[in-house]
Protein backbone atom coordinates (compact mmCIF):
# COMPACT_ATOMS: atom_id res chain seq x y z
CA MET A 1 -17.37 63.12 57.98
CA ALA A 2 -15.94 62.09 54.59
CA THR A 3 -14.84 64.82 52.22
CA ASN A 4 -15.76 64.89 48.54
CA THR A 5 -12.23 63.76 47.69
CA GLN A 6 -12.54 60.71 49.98
CA ARG A 7 -15.95 59.87 48.51
CA ILE A 8 -14.51 59.95 44.98
CA GLU A 9 -11.55 57.78 46.02
CA ASN A 10 -13.90 55.22 47.67
CA LEU A 11 -16.13 55.19 44.59
CA GLU A 12 -13.14 54.61 42.28
CA LYS A 13 -11.89 51.80 44.54
CA GLY A 14 -15.33 50.14 44.50
CA MET A 15 -15.53 50.35 40.71
CA SER A 16 -12.04 48.85 40.40
CA GLU A 17 -13.03 45.90 42.61
CA MET A 18 -16.22 45.34 40.59
CA GLN A 19 -14.22 45.31 37.35
CA GLY A 20 -11.86 42.73 38.82
CA THR A 21 -14.77 40.51 39.89
CA LEU A 22 -16.44 40.88 36.48
CA GLY A 23 -13.16 39.91 34.81
CA GLN A 24 -12.95 36.74 36.93
CA ILE A 25 -16.54 35.83 36.05
CA LEU A 26 -15.88 36.32 32.31
CA ALA A 27 -12.68 34.23 32.49
CA THR A 28 -14.57 31.42 34.23
CA LEU A 29 -17.30 31.50 31.58
CA ARG A 30 -14.71 31.39 28.77
CA GLY A 31 -13.01 28.43 30.40
CA PHE A 32 -16.32 26.60 30.75
CA SER A 33 -17.13 27.25 27.09
CA THR A 34 -13.71 25.98 25.96
CA SER A 35 -13.98 22.87 28.13
CA THR A 36 -17.44 22.09 26.76
CA ALA A 37 -16.22 22.46 23.16
CA GLN A 38 -13.26 20.17 23.86
CA ASN A 39 -15.52 17.53 25.39
CA GLU A 40 -17.87 17.70 22.43
CA SER A 41 -15.00 17.31 19.94
CA VAL A 42 -14.04 13.85 21.22
CA ALA A 43 -17.36 12.19 20.35
CA VAL A 44 -16.66 8.82 18.67
CA VAL A 45 -17.44 8.89 14.96
CA HIS A 46 -17.10 5.82 12.71
CA GLU A 47 -16.40 5.34 9.02
CA ASP A 48 -20.05 5.97 8.15
CA ASN A 49 -19.70 9.40 9.87
CA THR A 50 -22.39 8.53 12.42
CA PRO A 51 -21.60 9.31 16.08
CA GLU A 52 -22.18 6.31 18.35
CA GLU A 53 -24.81 8.24 20.30
CA ASP A 54 -26.96 8.39 17.15
CA TYR A 55 -26.97 4.63 16.53
CA THR A 56 -30.22 2.72 16.97
CA GLU A 57 -30.25 -1.02 17.57
CA PRO A 58 -31.42 -3.00 14.54
CA GLU A 59 -34.78 -4.75 14.71
CA ASP A 60 -34.59 -8.50 15.39
CA GLY A 61 -35.75 -9.24 11.85
CA LYS A 62 -33.43 -6.81 10.07
CA SER A 63 -31.16 -8.41 7.48
CA ILE A 64 -27.48 -7.68 8.17
CA ARG A 65 -24.70 -8.22 5.60
CA VAL A 66 -21.87 -10.46 6.79
CA ARG A 67 -18.75 -11.13 4.70
CA SER A 68 -16.27 -13.99 5.05
CA LEU A 69 -12.62 -13.09 5.62
CA PHE A 70 -11.55 -16.73 5.68
CA ASN A 71 -9.60 -18.55 2.97
CA GLY A 72 -11.84 -21.55 2.44
CA THR A 73 -15.24 -22.69 3.69
CA LEU A 74 -16.44 -20.97 6.85
CA ASN A 75 -19.37 -22.33 8.90
CA LEU A 76 -20.74 -20.07 11.64
CA THR A 77 -22.98 -21.91 14.10
CA TYR A 78 -26.03 -20.49 15.85
CA GLY A 79 -29.18 -21.71 17.53
CA ASP A 80 -29.81 -25.45 17.70
CA ARG A 81 -27.45 -27.08 15.16
CA ARG A 82 -27.95 -24.32 12.63
CA PHE A 83 -25.19 -22.55 10.73
CA VAL A 84 -24.43 -20.01 8.03
CA THR A 85 -21.99 -21.20 5.36
CA PHE A 86 -19.57 -19.08 3.32
CA ASN A 87 -17.97 -21.09 0.52
CA LYS A 88 -14.93 -18.88 -0.02
CA TYR A 89 -13.11 -15.73 1.03
CA GLY A 90 -15.10 -12.60 0.21
CA ASP A 91 -18.49 -14.34 0.07
CA GLU A 92 -21.42 -12.41 1.55
CA ASN A 93 -24.55 -13.64 3.28
CA ARG A 94 -27.47 -11.80 4.80
CA VAL A 95 -28.22 -12.79 8.38
CA LEU A 96 -31.13 -11.75 10.59
CA TYR A 97 -29.96 -9.57 13.47
CA ARG A 98 -31.41 -11.96 16.07
CA ASP A 99 -29.38 -14.80 14.53
CA LEU A 100 -26.28 -12.61 14.31
CA ILE A 101 -26.43 -12.08 18.09
CA GLN A 102 -26.14 -15.85 18.54
CA ILE A 103 -23.44 -16.15 15.86
CA VAL A 104 -21.22 -13.62 17.64
CA ASN A 105 -21.82 -15.27 21.02
CA MET A 106 -21.17 -18.80 19.76
CA ASN A 107 -18.24 -17.90 17.47
CA HIS A 108 -16.72 -15.18 19.61
CA LYS A 109 -13.07 -15.89 18.77
CA PHE A 110 -13.82 -15.76 15.05
CA ALA A 111 -15.73 -12.49 15.55
CA GLU A 112 -12.93 -10.87 17.58
CA GLU A 113 -10.05 -11.96 15.37
CA GLY A 114 -11.61 -11.00 12.04
CA TYR A 115 -12.59 -14.29 10.40
CA PHE A 116 -15.70 -12.50 9.18
CA GLU A 117 -16.88 -8.89 8.91
CA ILE A 118 -20.21 -7.48 10.03
CA GLU A 119 -20.99 -4.73 7.51
CA ASP A 120 -23.37 -2.72 9.69
CA ALA A 121 -21.92 -0.18 12.13
CA SER A 122 -25.02 -0.08 14.34
CA ALA A 123 -25.04 -3.86 14.67
CA VAL A 124 -21.32 -3.86 15.54
CA TYR A 125 -21.95 -1.26 18.25
CA PHE A 126 -24.93 -3.00 19.88
CA LEU A 127 -23.22 -6.40 19.69
CA GLY A 128 -20.45 -4.91 21.85
CA MET A 129 -17.82 -5.43 19.15
CA THR A 130 -16.59 -1.84 18.71
CA TYR A 131 -13.36 -2.57 20.61
CA ALA A 132 -12.54 -5.42 18.21
CA TYR A 133 -13.54 -3.49 15.07
CA ASN A 134 -11.11 -0.73 15.96
CA ASN A 135 -8.39 -3.25 15.03
CA ILE A 136 -10.04 -5.59 12.51
CA ILE A 137 -8.91 -4.97 8.92
CA LYS A 138 -11.97 -4.70 6.68
CA TYR A 139 -12.36 -6.50 3.37
CA LYS A 140 -11.96 -3.37 1.25
CA ASP A 141 -8.72 -2.49 3.08
CA ILE A 142 -7.31 -6.01 2.66
CA GLU A 143 -8.00 -5.89 -1.08
CA ASN A 144 -6.47 -2.43 -1.55
CA ILE A 145 -3.68 -2.51 1.01
CA CYS A 146 -0.86 -2.38 -1.57
CA SER A 147 -2.20 0.97 -2.82
CA TYR A 148 -2.13 2.63 0.59
CA SER A 149 0.57 4.83 2.07
CA ASP A 150 3.21 3.21 4.30
CA ASP A 151 1.75 4.96 7.36
CA LYS A 152 -1.75 3.66 6.66
CA VAL A 153 -0.45 0.12 6.08
CA LYS A 154 1.37 0.24 9.43
CA THR A 155 -1.71 1.55 11.22
CA LEU A 156 -3.90 -1.21 9.78
CA ILE A 157 -1.54 -4.12 10.38
CA GLU A 158 0.25 -3.34 13.64
CA ASN A 159 -2.78 -3.92 15.88
CA ALA A 160 -4.40 -6.67 13.82
CA SER A 161 -4.75 -10.23 15.10
CA ASP A 162 -2.16 -12.84 14.08
CA TYR A 163 -4.87 -14.47 11.98
CA GLN A 164 -5.49 -11.29 10.00
CA LYS A 165 -1.78 -10.64 9.52
CA SER A 166 -1.51 -14.07 7.93
CA LEU A 167 -4.64 -13.36 5.87
CA VAL A 168 -3.25 -10.07 4.53
CA ALA A 169 0.01 -11.75 3.55
CA ASN A 170 -1.95 -14.51 1.81
CA ARG A 171 -4.10 -12.07 -0.15
CA VAL A 172 -1.03 -10.12 -1.29
CA ALA A 173 0.56 -13.41 -2.37
CA HIS A 174 -2.57 -14.20 -4.41
CA GLN A 175 -2.36 -10.79 -6.08
CA ILE A 176 1.24 -11.56 -7.10
CA VAL A 177 0.26 -14.99 -8.47
CA ASP A 178 -2.69 -13.46 -10.35
CA GLY A 179 -0.29 -11.08 -12.09
CA LYS A 180 -1.67 -7.90 -10.55
CA ASN A 181 0.48 -4.81 -10.49
CA VAL A 182 1.79 -4.61 -6.92
CA ASP A 183 4.32 -2.26 -5.33
CA TYR A 184 7.16 -4.53 -4.14
CA ASN A 185 8.35 -1.90 -1.69
CA LYS A 186 4.91 -2.22 -0.11
CA VAL A 187 5.17 -6.01 -0.26
CA ASN A 188 8.46 -5.85 1.67
CA LEU A 189 6.84 -3.61 4.29
CA ILE A 190 3.92 -6.03 4.68
CA ASN A 191 6.46 -8.88 4.94
CA LYS A 192 8.01 -7.23 7.98
CA LEU A 193 4.75 -6.21 9.63
CA CYS A 194 3.16 -9.65 9.20
CA SER A 195 6.35 -11.66 9.83
CA VAL A 196 5.53 -13.72 6.73
CA ASP A 197 7.62 -14.38 3.61
CA ILE A 198 5.09 -13.41 0.96
CA SER A 199 7.31 -14.55 -1.94
CA LYS A 200 7.49 -18.07 -0.53
CA ARG A 201 3.78 -18.06 0.08
CA ALA A 202 3.20 -17.04 -3.54
CA GLU A 203 5.43 -19.92 -4.70
CA SER A 204 3.39 -22.30 -2.55
CA ILE A 205 0.14 -21.05 -4.10
CA ARG A 206 1.58 -21.52 -7.61
CA SER A 207 2.62 -25.09 -6.80
CA LEU A 208 -0.93 -25.96 -5.72
CA ALA A 209 -2.57 -24.41 -8.78
């Protein structure tokens, strides 16, 4: 028959084991909480600060703004011999979402390489173009690229298409010809990143003026 001393020792041992089990349970719960928080923190958020999961697909008849990023006249075909025309770089047109679906499908290379910009994040997402828009340089960034930090310029240009690299160099050359105040250290950086001699391109633009 167990003595009082043995009963106390058994009780203390049982309590110690329960504390150990409780500690393991708490540690597991903390780990689960941390893991959940980490998973939640990687939700994709775009420039308009809207997570992708909150996007809703535009109605077929919604008007979507599309901007040309092409130096010259750009015709985007859709439907049966129909097209949207942009007369010059920077021009904007409004296109019905149902027509924009066809434009992207029928002009897929132009859409992927940044010959034009769809200025609606929800439309970009539901058109399946998010992967391309992670690398496409937007109009506002092209126009202001000489005012950005070196790191931001590198980030924008390094993964851009060859077409957009040439476009950026051309727009910087136009800024020089137009007498705008540009940072020539930035121009030299863009030269290297785009593999284009911007000074020569500026001279060519002047000769055609």
